[in-house]
């Protein structure tokens, strides 16, 4: 992967933004290996933005002993060499977003919370106590959030536990 990213950087130059999204556990990935890879990618200067898909920013790594650091904490204290780090993973409240920003994330990516509330960002900025609607939500709720019928069907079909009715 590092070689591919480096080749992209060489061919595009410094004025082209290179971003990379990584999942860092599950599917056979070893956290220690991913921490090393992220460190090497950050040190290389080849990426401008690193998007860490963490499933849940507040949880400890899979199979970690009680009291372990959270998954996000394994990455936010690394030297970045100018790379911006964004994190995703169950960010559904203004407080959760503020917490990861306070921990050192540069960006907080909102996924399902933005599906449940198209104005999540505006509401979270205005109200530090704001929390997106909880899943499961009704199809009518998704439609009211300006989602097209084809997306509502796709979402309900692929994640039936998130949609009722």
C-alpha atoms as a PDB file:
ATOM      1  CA  UNK A   1       0.000   0.000   0.000  1.00  0.00           C
ATOM      2  CA  UNK A   2       2.777   2.460   0.896  1.00  0.00           C
ATOM      3  CA  UNK A   3       4.313   1.971  -2.531  1.00  0.00           C
ATOM      4  CA  UNK A   4       1.014   2.726  -4.261  1.00  0.00           C
ATOM      5  CA  UNK A   5       0.462   5.869  -2.184  1.00  0.00           C
ATOM      6  CA  UNK A   6       4.032   6.988  -2.868  1.00  0.00           C
ATOM      7  CA  UNK A   7       3.593   6.429  -6.610  1.00  0.00           C
ATOM      8  CA  UNK A   8       0.398   8.494  -6.570  1.00  0.00           C
ATOM      9  CA  UNK A   9       2.178  11.313  -4.747  1.00  0.00           C
ATOM     10  CA  UNK A  10       5.111  11.226  -7.185  1.00  0.00           C
ATOM     11  CA  UNK A  11       2.809  11.450 -10.195  1.00  0.00           C
ATOM     12  CA  UNK A  12       0.488  14.126  -8.809  1.00  0.00           C
ATOM     13  CA  UNK A  13       2.867  16.450  -6.987  1.00  0.00           C
ATOM     14  CA  UNK A  14       2.433  18.541  -3.857  1.00  0.00           C
ATOM     15  CA  UNK A  15      -0.549  20.585  -5.091  1.00  0.00           C
ATOM     16  CA  UNK A  16      -2.787  17.528  -5.442  1.00  0.00           C
ATOM     17  CA  UNK A  17      -4.419  16.398  -2.198  1.00  0.00           C
ATOM     18  CA  UNK A  18      -3.988  12.699  -1.487  1.00  0.00           C
ATOM     19  CA  UNK A  19      -6.286  11.140   1.073  1.00  0.00           C
ATOM     20  CA  UNK A  20      -6.488   7.612   2.371  1.00  0.00           C
ATOM     21  CA  UNK A  21      -9.260   5.870   4.296  1.00  0.00           C
ATOM     22  CA  UNK A  22      -8.191   2.969   6.512  1.00  0.00           C
ATOM     23  CA  UNK A  23     -10.021   0.530   8.701  1.00  0.00           C
ATOM     24  CA  UNK A  24      -7.607  -0.516  11.419  1.00  0.00           C
ATOM     25  CA  UNK A  25      -9.150  -3.648  12.888  1.00  0.00           C
ATOM     26  CA  UNK A  26     -11.411  -6.587  12.048  1.00  0.00           C
ATOM     27  CA  UNK A  27     -11.194  -8.670   8.890  1.00  0.00           C
ATOM     28  CA  UNK A  28      -7.828 -10.118   9.897  1.00  0.00           C
ATOM     29  CA  UNK A  29      -6.119  -6.773  10.511  1.00  0.00           C
ATOM     30  CA  UNK A  30      -3.691  -6.669  13.445  1.00  0.00           C
ATOM     31  CA  UNK A  31      -3.805  -3.420  15.411  1.00  0.00           C
ATOM     32  CA  UNK A  32      -0.038  -3.309  16.063  1.00  0.00           C
ATOM     33  CA  UNK A  33       0.603  -3.673  12.321  1.00  0.00           C
ATOM     34  CA  UNK A  34      -1.896  -0.929  11.535  1.00  0.00           C
ATOM     35  CA  UNK A  35      -0.345   1.423  14.100  1.00  0.00           C
ATOM     36  CA  UNK A  36       3.039   0.841  12.451  1.00  0.00           C
ATOM     37  CA  UNK A  37       1.587   1.354   8.958  1.00  0.00           C
ATOM     38  CA  UNK A  38      -0.130   4.592   9.984  1.00  0.00           C
ATOM     39  CA  UNK A  39       3.099   5.841  11.543  1.00  0.00           C
ATOM     40  CA  UNK A  40       5.005   5.101   8.358  1.00  0.00           C
ATOM     41  CA  UNK A  41       2.354   6.713   6.169  1.00  0.00           C
ATOM     42  CA  UNK A  42       2.343   9.858   8.310  1.00  0.00           C
ATOM     43  CA  UNK A  43       6.155  10.046   8.288  1.00  0.00           C
ATOM     44  CA  UNK A  44       6.319   9.601   4.526  1.00  0.00           C
ATOM     45  CA  UNK A  45       4.642  12.903   3.751  1.00  0.00           C
ATOM     46  CA  UNK A  46       2.788  11.179   0.920  1.00  0.00           C
ATOM     47  CA  UNK A  47      -0.728  11.734   2.250  1.00  0.00           C
ATOM     48  CA  UNK A  48      -2.496  14.960   3.137  1.00  0.00           C
ATOM     49  CA  UNK A  49      -5.527  13.471   4.858  1.00  0.00           C
ATOM     50  CA  UNK A  50      -5.830  10.177   6.720  1.00  0.00           C
ATOM     51  CA  UNK A  51      -9.401   9.016   7.367  1.00  0.00           C
ATOM     52  CA  UNK A  52      -9.501   6.396  10.118  1.00  0.00           C
ATOM     53  CA  UNK A  53     -12.621   4.256  10.041  1.00  0.00           C
ATOM     54  CA  UNK A  54     -12.773   3.012  13.620  1.00  0.00           C
ATOM     55  CA  UNK A  55     -16.238   1.411  13.897  1.00  0.00           C
ATOM     56  CA  UNK A  56     -16.601   3.111  17.299  1.00  0.00           C
ATOM     57  CA  UNK A  57     -14.161   5.816  18.396  1.00  0.00           C
ATOM     58  CA  UNK A  58     -14.939   5.246  22.076  1.00  0.00           C
ATOM     59  CA  UNK A  59     -14.300   1.516  22.271  1.00  0.00           C
ATOM     60  CA  UNK A  60     -11.093  -0.282  23.126  1.00  0.00           C
ATOM     61  CA  UNK A  61      -9.527  -2.421  20.405  1.00  0.00           C
ATOM     62  CA  UNK A  62     -11.011  -5.855  19.821  1.00  0.00           C
ATOM     63  CA  UNK A  63      -9.753  -8.394  22.375  1.00  0.00           C
ATOM     64  CA  UNK A  64      -8.039  -5.697  24.451  1.00  0.00           C
ATOM     65  CA  UNK A  65      -7.873  -6.172  28.206  1.00  0.00           C
ATOM     66  CA  UNK A  66     -10.156  -4.152  30.470  1.00  0.00           C
ATOM     67  CA  UNK A  67      -8.942  -0.585  30.928  1.00  0.00           C
ATOM     68  CA  UNK A  68      -7.082  -0.421  27.603  1.00  0.00           C
ATOM     69  CA  UNK A  69      -6.790   2.781  25.638  1.00  0.00           C
ATOM     70  CA  UNK A  70      -9.544   3.398  23.116  1.00  0.00           C
ATOM     71  CA  UNK A  71      -8.919   2.564  19.503  1.00  0.00           C
ATOM     72  CA  UNK A  72      -8.656   6.224  18.517  1.00  0.00           C
ATOM     73  CA  UNK A  73      -6.051   6.889  21.218  1.00  0.00           C
ATOM     74  CA  UNK A  74      -3.619   4.552  19.452  1.00  0.00           C
ATOM     75  CA  UNK A  75      -3.397   7.021  16.563  1.00  0.00           C
ATOM     76  CA  UNK A  76      -3.966  10.578  17.705  1.00  0.00           C
ATOM     77  CA  UNK A  77      -0.689  11.011  19.548  1.00  0.00           C
ATOM     78  CA  UNK A  78       1.467  10.048  16.566  1.00  0.00           C
ATOM     79  CA  UNK A  79       3.667  12.641  14.852  1.00  0.00           C
ATOM     80  CA  UNK A  80       1.679  13.720  11.790  1.00  0.00           C
ATOM     81  CA  UNK A  81       4.244  15.491   9.641  1.00  0.00           C
ATOM     82  CA  UNK A  82       1.553  17.798   8.288  1.00  0.00           C
ATOM     83  CA  UNK A  83      -1.087  15.139   7.655  1.00  0.00           C
ATOM     84  CA  UNK A  84      -4.637  15.888   8.785  1.00  0.00           C
ATOM     85  CA  UNK A  85      -6.346  13.041  10.657  1.00  0.00           C
ATOM     86  CA  UNK A  86     -10.079  12.482  10.533  1.00  0.00           C
ATOM     87  CA  UNK A  87     -11.940   9.816  12.472  1.00  0.00           C
ATOM     88  CA  UNK A  88     -15.242   8.050  12.006  1.00  0.00           C
ATOM     89  CA  UNK A  89     -17.090   5.627  14.207  1.00  0.00           C
ATOM     90  CA  UNK A  90     -20.404   6.068  16.022  1.00  0.00           C
ATOM     91  CA  UNK A  91     -20.188   9.844  16.266  1.00  0.00           C
ATOM     92  CA  UNK A  92     -23.826  10.688  16.941  1.00  0.00           C
ATOM     93  CA  UNK A  93     -23.703  13.597  19.357  1.00  0.00           C
ATOM     94  CA  UNK A  94     -22.118  17.014  19.649  1.00  0.00           C
ATOM     95  CA  UNK A  95     -20.326  15.786  22.783  1.00  0.00           C
ATOM     96  CA  UNK A  96     -18.819  12.764  20.989  1.00  0.00           C
ATOM     97  CA  UNK A  97     -17.584  14.976  18.171  1.00  0.00           C
ATOM     98  CA  UNK A  98     -16.102  17.477  20.623  1.00  0.00           C
ATOM     99  CA  UNK A  99     -14.430  14.657  22.552  1.00  0.00           C
ATOM    100  CA  UNK A 100     -12.519  13.339  19.493  1.00  0.00           C
ATOM    101  CA  UNK A 101     -11.557  16.868  18.480  1.00  0.00           C
ATOM    102  CA  UNK A 102     -10.313  17.498  22.025  1.00  0.00           C
ATOM    103  CA  UNK A 103      -8.343  14.242  21.839  1.00  0.00           C
ATOM    104  CA  UNK A 104      -6.529  15.583  18.795  1.00  0.00           C
ATOM    105  CA  UNK A 105      -8.511  14.580  15.719  1.00  0.00           C
ATOM    106  CA  UNK A 106      -8.532  17.298  13.072  1.00  0.00           C
ATOM    107  CA  UNK A 107     -11.793  16.131  11.502  1.00  0.00           C
ATOM    108  CA  UNK A 108     -14.792  14.179  12.762  1.00  0.00           C
ATOM    109  CA  UNK A 109     -16.730  12.265  10.120  1.00  0.00           C
ATOM    110  CA  UNK A 110     -20.435  11.850  10.714  1.00  0.00           C
ATOM    111  CA  UNK A 111     -22.050   8.809   9.125  1.00  0.00           C
ATOM    112  CA  UNK A 112     -25.335   7.358  10.316  1.00  0.00           C
ATOM    113  CA  UNK A 113     -26.067  10.415  12.465  1.00  0.00           C
ATOM    114  CA  UNK A 114     -26.101  12.524   9.295  1.00  0.00           C
ATOM    115  CA  UNK A 115     -28.454  10.027   7.679  1.00  0.00           C
ATOM    116  CA  UNK A 116     -30.777  10.290  10.671  1.00  0.00           C
ATOM    117  CA  UNK A 117     -30.492  14.090  10.675  1.00  0.00           C
ATOM    118  CA  UNK A 118     -29.437  15.967   7.561  1.00  0.00           C
ATOM    119  CA  UNK A 119     -28.749  19.065   9.704  1.00  0.00           C
ATOM    120  CA  UNK A 120     -26.643  17.233  12.302  1.00  0.00           C
ATOM    121  CA  UNK A 121     -23.596  19.495  11.918  1.00  0.00           C
ATOM    122  CA  UNK A 122     -25.560  22.727  12.211  1.00  0.00           C
ATOM    123  CA  UNK A 123     -27.492  21.462  15.227  1.00  0.00           C
ATOM    124  CA  UNK A 124     -24.372  20.083  16.944  1.00  0.00           C
ATOM    125  CA  UNK A 125     -22.556  23.398  16.521  1.00  0.00           C
ATOM    126  CA  UNK A 126     -25.531  25.313  17.923  1.00  0.00           C
ATOM    127  CA  UNK A 127     -26.206  22.958  20.847  1.00  0.00           C
ATOM    128  CA  UNK A 128     -23.369  21.127  22.666  1.00  0.00           C
ATOM    129  CA  UNK A 129     -25.982  18.762  24.106  1.00  0.00           C
ATOM    130  CA  UNK A 130     -27.407  17.770  20.722  1.00  0.00           C
ATOM    131  CA  UNK A 131     -27.756  14.092  19.866  1.00  0.00           C
ATOM    132  CA  UNK A 132     -28.971  12.673  16.539  1.00  0.00           C
ATOM    133  CA  UNK A 133     -32.105  10.520  16.489  1.00  0.00           C
ATOM    134  CA  UNK A 134     -31.356   6.949  17.562  1.00  0.00           C
ATOM    135  CA  UNK A 135     -31.632   3.979  15.254  1.00  0.00           C
ATOM    136  CA  UNK A 136     -33.742   2.213  14.257  1.00  0.00           C
ATOM    137  CA  UNK A 137     -35.709   4.929  12.503  1.00  0.00           C
ATOM    138  CA  UNK A 138     -38.810   4.656  10.356  1.00  0.00           C
ATOM    139  CA  UNK A 139     -38.732   4.880   6.573  1.00  0.00           C
ATOM    140  CA  UNK A 140     -40.868   8.013   6.830  1.00  0.00           C
ATOM    141  CA  UNK A 141     -38.209   9.580   9.034  1.00  0.00           C
ATOM    142  CA  UNK A 142     -35.546   8.896   6.393  1.00  0.00           C
ATOM    143  CA  UNK A 143     -37.762  10.426   3.726  1.00  0.00           C
ATOM    144  CA  UNK A 144     -38.289  13.496   5.913  1.00  0.00           C
ATOM    145  CA  UNK A 145     -34.492  13.855   6.073  1.00  0.00           C
ATOM    146  CA  UNK A 146     -34.510  14.445   2.316  1.00  0.00           C
ATOM    147  CA  UNK A 147     -33.318  10.962   1.353  1.00  0.00           C
ATOM    148  CA  UNK A 148     -34.462   9.671  -2.009  1.00  0.00           C
ATOM    149  CA  UNK A 149     -36.655   6.591  -2.079  1.00  0.00           C
ATOM    150  CA  UNK A 150     -33.933   4.541  -3.773  1.00  0.00           C
ATOM    151  CA  UNK A 151     -31.554   5.283  -0.866  1.00  0.00           C
ATOM    152  CA  UNK A 152     -34.241   4.535   1.728  1.00  0.00           C
ATOM    153  CA  UNK A 153     -34.788   1.141   0.068  1.00  0.00           C
ATOM    154  CA  UNK A 154     -31.034   0.492  -0.208  1.00  0.00           C
ATOM    155  CA  UNK A 155     -30.482   1.427   3.437  1.00  0.00           C
ATOM    156  CA  UNK A 156     -33.423  -0.640   4.708  1.00  0.00           C
ATOM    157  CA  UNK A 157     -32.396  -3.646   2.616  1.00  0.00           C
ATOM    158  CA  UNK A 158     -28.726  -3.653   3.594  1.00  0.00           C
ATOM    159  CA  UNK A 159     -29.129  -2.600   7.243  1.00  0.00           C
ATOM    160  CA  UNK A 160     -32.599  -3.813   8.272  1.00  0.00           C
ATOM    161  CA  UNK A 161     -31.691  -3.457  11.957  1.00  0.00           C
ATOM    162  CA  UNK A 162     -31.485   0.325  11.393  1.00  0.00           C
ATOM    163  CA  UNK A 163     -34.898   0.772   9.770  1.00  0.00           C
ATOM    164  CA  UNK A 164     -38.270  -0.134  11.183  1.00  0.00           C
ATOM    165  CA  UNK A 165     -41.471  -0.219   9.219  1.00  0.00           C
END
